[in-house]
Each structure stands twice: as C-alpha cells, then as structure tokens.
N, C-alpha and C. Protein backbone atom coordinates (compact mmCIF):
# COMPACT_ATOMS: atom_id res chain seq x y z
N MET A 1 -15.27 18.30 15.85
CA MET A 1 -15.19 17.72 14.52
C MET A 1 -15.65 16.26 14.52
N ILE A 2 -15.30 15.52 15.59
CA ILE A 2 -15.70 14.11 15.67
C ILE A 2 -17.22 14.01 15.77
N TRP A 3 -17.83 14.88 16.59
CA TRP A 3 -19.27 14.84 16.73
C TRP A 3 -19.97 15.18 15.43
N LEU A 4 -19.43 16.12 14.69
CA LEU A 4 -20.00 16.48 13.40
C LEU A 4 -19.94 15.29 12.44
N THR A 5 -18.84 14.58 12.44
CA THR A 5 -18.70 13.40 11.59
C THR A 5 -19.69 12.32 11.99
N ILE A 6 -19.83 12.06 13.29
CA ILE A 6 -20.75 11.03 13.77
C ILE A 6 -22.19 11.39 13.41
N ILE A 7 -22.57 12.63 13.63
CA ILE A 7 -23.95 13.05 13.34
C ILE A 7 -24.21 13.01 11.83
N THR A 8 -23.26 13.43 11.03
CA THR A 8 -23.42 13.39 9.58
C THR A 8 -23.57 11.96 9.08
N MET A 9 -22.76 11.06 9.59
CA MET A 9 -22.86 9.66 9.18
C MET A 9 -24.19 9.05 9.63
N ALA A 10 -24.65 9.40 10.81
CA ALA A 10 -25.94 8.91 11.30
C ALA A 10 -27.07 9.39 10.40
N ILE A 11 -27.03 10.65 10.00
CA ILE A 11 -28.06 11.20 9.11
C ILE A 11 -28.02 10.50 7.75
N LEU A 12 -26.83 10.28 7.22
CA LEU A 12 -26.71 9.61 5.92
C LEU A 12 -27.24 8.18 5.97
N VAL A 13 -26.88 7.45 7.02
CA VAL A 13 -27.33 6.06 7.13
C VAL A 13 -28.84 6.01 7.34
N PHE A 14 -29.36 6.82 8.25
CA PHE A 14 -30.80 6.84 8.48
C PHE A 14 -31.56 7.25 7.22
N GLY A 15 -31.08 8.28 6.56
CA GLY A 15 -31.75 8.75 5.35
C GLY A 15 -31.78 7.71 4.25
N SER A 16 -30.68 7.04 4.02
CA SER A 16 -30.64 6.04 2.97
C SER A 16 -31.53 4.85 3.30
N ARG A 17 -31.60 4.48 4.57
CA ARG A 17 -32.50 3.38 4.97
C ARG A 17 -33.96 3.81 4.88
N TYR A 18 -34.25 4.99 5.33
CA TYR A 18 -35.63 5.48 5.39
C TYR A 18 -36.24 5.61 4.00
N LEU A 19 -35.45 6.07 3.04
CA LEU A 19 -35.97 6.25 1.69
C LEU A 19 -36.49 4.96 1.09
N PHE A 20 -35.83 3.85 1.34
CA PHE A 20 -36.21 2.60 0.70
C PHE A 20 -37.09 1.72 1.56
N LEU A 21 -37.16 1.97 2.86
CA LEU A 21 -37.95 1.12 3.73
C LEU A 21 -39.31 1.71 4.08
N GLU A 22 -39.49 2.99 3.93
CA GLU A 22 -40.77 3.62 4.24
C GLU A 22 -41.74 3.40 3.08
N PRO A 23 -42.82 2.65 3.30
CA PRO A 23 -43.73 2.34 2.19
C PRO A 23 -44.53 3.54 1.69
N LYS A 24 -44.64 4.59 2.48
CA LYS A 24 -45.43 5.76 2.05
C LYS A 24 -44.69 6.65 1.06
N LEU A 25 -43.36 6.51 1.00
CA LEU A 25 -42.59 7.33 0.06
C LEU A 25 -42.65 6.72 -1.34
N PRO A 26 -42.73 7.53 -2.37
CA PRO A 26 -42.88 7.01 -3.74
C PRO A 26 -41.55 6.63 -4.41
N VAL A 27 -40.56 6.21 -3.66
CA VAL A 27 -39.27 5.84 -4.25
C VAL A 27 -39.31 4.36 -4.62
N ARG A 28 -39.20 4.06 -5.89
CA ARG A 28 -39.19 2.68 -6.37
C ARG A 28 -37.97 2.50 -7.27
N LEU A 29 -37.32 1.37 -7.14
CA LEU A 29 -36.15 1.08 -7.96
C LEU A 29 -36.56 0.22 -9.15
N SER A 30 -35.87 0.42 -10.26
CA SER A 30 -36.18 -0.37 -11.46
C SER A 30 -35.70 -1.81 -11.29
N LYS A 31 -36.18 -2.68 -12.17
CA LYS A 31 -35.80 -4.09 -12.11
C LYS A 31 -34.29 -4.25 -12.34
N ASN A 32 -33.72 -3.47 -13.25
CA ASN A 32 -32.28 -3.55 -13.50
C ASN A 32 -31.47 -3.13 -12.28
N THR A 33 -31.93 -2.10 -11.59
CA THR A 33 -31.23 -1.64 -10.39
C THR A 33 -31.31 -2.68 -9.29
N LEU A 34 -32.48 -3.29 -9.11
CA LEU A 34 -32.62 -4.34 -8.10
C LEU A 34 -31.74 -5.55 -8.42
N THR A 35 -31.66 -5.91 -9.68
CA THR A 35 -30.79 -7.00 -10.09
C THR A 35 -29.33 -6.66 -9.81
N PHE A 36 -28.94 -5.44 -10.13
CA PHE A 36 -27.57 -4.99 -9.88
C PHE A 36 -27.25 -5.00 -8.38
N LEU A 37 -28.19 -4.55 -7.56
CA LEU A 37 -27.97 -4.50 -6.11
C LEU A 37 -27.96 -5.89 -5.48
N SER A 38 -28.55 -6.88 -6.13
CA SER A 38 -28.56 -8.22 -5.56
C SER A 38 -27.15 -8.82 -5.49
N TYR A 39 -26.21 -8.27 -6.24
CA TYR A 39 -24.83 -8.75 -6.21
C TYR A 39 -23.99 -8.09 -5.12
N SER A 40 -24.51 -7.06 -4.47
CA SER A 40 -23.70 -6.33 -3.49
C SER A 40 -23.44 -7.14 -2.22
N ALA A 41 -24.42 -7.85 -1.71
CA ALA A 41 -24.22 -8.62 -0.48
C ALA A 41 -23.16 -9.72 -0.65
N PRO A 42 -23.24 -10.55 -1.70
CA PRO A 42 -22.17 -11.54 -1.87
C PRO A 42 -20.79 -10.92 -2.08
N ALA A 43 -20.74 -9.79 -2.77
CA ALA A 43 -19.45 -9.14 -2.99
C ALA A 43 -18.86 -8.63 -1.68
N VAL A 44 -19.68 -8.01 -0.84
CA VAL A 44 -19.19 -7.50 0.44
C VAL A 44 -18.77 -8.64 1.36
N LEU A 45 -19.59 -9.70 1.43
CA LEU A 45 -19.25 -10.84 2.28
C LEU A 45 -17.96 -11.52 1.82
N THR A 46 -17.77 -11.63 0.51
CA THR A 46 -16.54 -12.22 0.00
C THR A 46 -15.33 -11.36 0.35
N ALA A 47 -15.47 -10.06 0.26
CA ALA A 47 -14.37 -9.17 0.61
C ALA A 47 -14.04 -9.24 2.10
N ILE A 48 -15.03 -9.56 2.93
CA ILE A 48 -14.78 -9.68 4.36
C ILE A 48 -14.15 -11.03 4.71
N PHE A 49 -14.71 -12.13 4.19
CA PHE A 49 -14.24 -13.43 4.65
C PHE A 49 -13.01 -13.96 3.92
N ALA A 50 -12.76 -13.55 2.70
CA ALA A 50 -11.63 -14.10 1.95
C ALA A 50 -10.28 -13.88 2.64
N PRO A 51 -9.96 -12.68 3.11
CA PRO A 51 -8.67 -12.53 3.80
C PRO A 51 -8.60 -13.32 5.11
N ILE A 52 -9.74 -13.45 5.80
CA ILE A 52 -9.74 -14.19 7.07
C ILE A 52 -9.49 -15.67 6.82
N VAL A 53 -10.11 -16.22 5.78
CA VAL A 53 -10.02 -17.66 5.53
C VAL A 53 -8.72 -18.03 4.83
N PHE A 54 -8.28 -17.26 3.86
CA PHE A 54 -7.19 -17.68 3.00
C PHE A 54 -5.82 -17.12 3.35
N ILE A 55 -5.73 -16.11 4.20
CA ILE A 55 -4.42 -15.48 4.45
C ILE A 55 -4.05 -15.63 5.92
N ARG A 56 -2.88 -16.18 6.17
CA ARG A 56 -2.31 -16.32 7.51
C ARG A 56 -0.92 -15.69 7.51
N GLU A 57 -0.72 -14.75 8.39
CA GLU A 57 0.57 -14.07 8.56
C GLU A 57 1.09 -13.50 7.25
N GLY A 58 0.20 -12.93 6.47
CA GLY A 58 0.59 -12.27 5.23
C GLY A 58 0.81 -13.17 4.05
N GLU A 59 0.58 -14.48 4.20
CA GLU A 59 0.80 -15.41 3.10
C GLU A 59 -0.43 -16.27 2.88
N LEU A 60 -0.57 -16.77 1.67
CA LEU A 60 -1.68 -17.64 1.32
C LEU A 60 -1.58 -18.94 2.09
N ALA A 61 -2.65 -19.33 2.77
CA ALA A 61 -2.64 -20.53 3.62
C ALA A 61 -3.67 -21.52 3.11
N LEU A 62 -3.24 -22.41 2.22
CA LEU A 62 -4.13 -23.43 1.67
C LEU A 62 -3.68 -24.81 2.13
N SER A 63 -3.65 -25.00 3.44
CA SER A 63 -3.22 -26.29 3.98
C SER A 63 -4.26 -26.81 4.96
N LEU A 64 -4.11 -28.07 5.35
CA LEU A 64 -5.07 -28.69 6.26
C LEU A 64 -4.92 -28.25 7.70
N ASP A 65 -3.90 -27.49 8.03
CA ASP A 65 -3.79 -26.97 9.39
C ASP A 65 -4.43 -25.57 9.52
N ASN A 66 -5.09 -25.10 8.48
CA ASN A 66 -5.83 -23.84 8.52
C ASN A 66 -7.27 -24.13 8.93
N SER A 67 -7.57 -23.94 10.20
CA SER A 67 -8.91 -24.27 10.71
C SER A 67 -9.99 -23.39 10.11
N TYR A 68 -9.65 -22.17 9.75
CA TYR A 68 -10.62 -21.28 9.10
C TYR A 68 -11.04 -21.85 7.74
N LEU A 69 -10.08 -22.35 7.00
CA LEU A 69 -10.35 -22.91 5.68
C LEU A 69 -11.19 -24.18 5.79
N ILE A 70 -10.86 -25.04 6.73
CA ILE A 70 -11.62 -26.29 6.91
C ILE A 70 -13.08 -25.99 7.28
N ALA A 71 -13.28 -25.09 8.22
CA ALA A 71 -14.64 -24.74 8.63
C ALA A 71 -15.40 -24.04 7.49
N ALA A 72 -14.72 -23.22 6.71
CA ALA A 72 -15.38 -22.54 5.59
C ALA A 72 -15.79 -23.52 4.50
N VAL A 73 -14.95 -24.50 4.21
CA VAL A 73 -15.29 -25.51 3.22
C VAL A 73 -16.48 -26.34 3.70
N LEU A 74 -16.46 -26.73 4.97
CA LEU A 74 -17.59 -27.48 5.53
C LEU A 74 -18.86 -26.64 5.48
N ALA A 75 -18.78 -25.37 5.83
CA ALA A 75 -19.95 -24.49 5.80
C ALA A 75 -20.50 -24.37 4.38
N ALA A 76 -19.63 -24.24 3.40
CA ALA A 76 -20.08 -24.13 2.01
C ALA A 76 -20.77 -25.42 1.56
N LEU A 77 -20.19 -26.56 1.91
CA LEU A 77 -20.80 -27.84 1.54
C LEU A 77 -22.14 -28.05 2.23
N LEU A 78 -22.20 -27.74 3.52
CA LEU A 78 -23.46 -27.86 4.24
C LEU A 78 -24.53 -26.92 3.69
N ALA A 79 -24.16 -25.70 3.40
CA ALA A 79 -25.11 -24.74 2.86
C ALA A 79 -25.64 -25.20 1.51
N TYR A 80 -24.76 -25.75 0.71
CA TYR A 80 -25.16 -26.22 -0.62
C TYR A 80 -26.07 -27.43 -0.54
N THR A 81 -25.76 -28.37 0.34
CA THR A 81 -26.53 -29.61 0.40
C THR A 81 -27.81 -29.50 1.22
N THR A 82 -27.76 -28.82 2.36
CA THR A 82 -28.93 -28.80 3.24
C THR A 82 -29.83 -27.59 3.04
N ARG A 83 -29.29 -26.47 2.61
CA ARG A 83 -30.03 -25.21 2.48
C ARG A 83 -30.65 -24.79 3.82
N ASN A 84 -29.98 -25.15 4.91
CA ASN A 84 -30.46 -24.85 6.26
C ASN A 84 -29.43 -23.94 6.92
N ILE A 85 -29.80 -22.69 7.14
CA ILE A 85 -28.85 -21.71 7.66
C ILE A 85 -28.44 -22.03 9.09
N LEU A 86 -29.40 -22.40 9.93
CA LEU A 86 -29.10 -22.68 11.33
C LEU A 86 -28.18 -23.89 11.46
N LEU A 87 -28.49 -24.97 10.77
CA LEU A 87 -27.64 -26.17 10.82
C LEU A 87 -26.24 -25.86 10.31
N THR A 88 -26.15 -25.15 9.21
CA THR A 88 -24.84 -24.79 8.65
C THR A 88 -24.03 -23.97 9.63
N THR A 89 -24.64 -22.99 10.25
CA THR A 89 -23.93 -22.11 11.19
C THR A 89 -23.47 -22.87 12.42
N VAL A 90 -24.36 -23.64 13.01
CA VAL A 90 -24.03 -24.35 14.26
C VAL A 90 -22.96 -25.41 14.02
N VAL A 91 -23.12 -26.21 12.98
CA VAL A 91 -22.16 -27.30 12.73
C VAL A 91 -20.79 -26.74 12.34
N SER A 92 -20.75 -25.76 11.46
CA SER A 92 -19.44 -25.23 11.04
C SER A 92 -18.75 -24.48 12.17
N MET A 93 -19.52 -23.76 13.00
CA MET A 93 -18.90 -23.11 14.15
C MET A 93 -18.41 -24.13 15.18
N GLY A 94 -19.21 -25.17 15.39
CA GLY A 94 -18.79 -26.24 16.30
C GLY A 94 -17.50 -26.90 15.86
N LEU A 95 -17.40 -27.23 14.57
CA LEU A 95 -16.17 -27.82 14.04
C LEU A 95 -15.00 -26.86 14.19
N PHE A 96 -15.25 -25.59 13.91
CA PHE A 96 -14.16 -24.61 14.03
C PHE A 96 -13.65 -24.54 15.47
N PHE A 97 -14.55 -24.48 16.44
CA PHE A 97 -14.13 -24.41 17.84
C PHE A 97 -13.42 -25.68 18.29
N ILE A 98 -13.82 -26.82 17.75
CA ILE A 98 -13.16 -28.08 18.11
C ILE A 98 -11.74 -28.13 17.56
N ILE A 99 -11.55 -27.75 16.31
CA ILE A 99 -10.22 -27.89 15.70
C ILE A 99 -9.33 -26.68 15.93
N HIS A 100 -9.88 -25.56 16.34
CA HIS A 100 -9.06 -24.38 16.56
C HIS A 100 -8.61 -24.41 18.00
C-alpha cells in the first residue's frame, strides 16, 4: 500500500509539472488564472513561516528575545530596501546565528 501511494504521488507530481513545463504541449493558462496563481507562493510561504516566527511554546511571542522574529524583521527590511536576495539571505541568517 505504501509503494502504491508513493508511485501514485510521483505520477501526479510529474504529470502536473510536465503539463505546464513542456513547451510542445498545447496547454496554456488564461491571464486570470495566471494572476490567481501568482498569489499561491506568498500564501504558502506565509503559512510556513508565520508559526515558526510568531509562536513559541504554543503562545504568541512578540518580544525582543525571539531571535526568529528579529531575523525575520531584518530580512523583510533588507529585502524591501536592497531588493538583493543573496544579501538579504546571508545577512539575516548571519544575524540569526549570532543571536540564537
């Protein structure tokens, strides 16, 4: 049963990627669909990082001793001001490792 699940999931993932990435296939998405899908990455990333940054031991942690929050705020400010992904990643990770 586990192998069947793994193989089925592999087929689903490969199929969904192949349909949209293979240029020879005539599958094209409308402008409205592309606009709608552009919101999926920020929504997924927010759902992943929000509990990590804002919740400690089951409670909301909005204090200066939350190293995750400090590094996230710095990363957001750096990303907004510099628009440089590498600089933002390296500096915010460096600060996080120093204060954590």
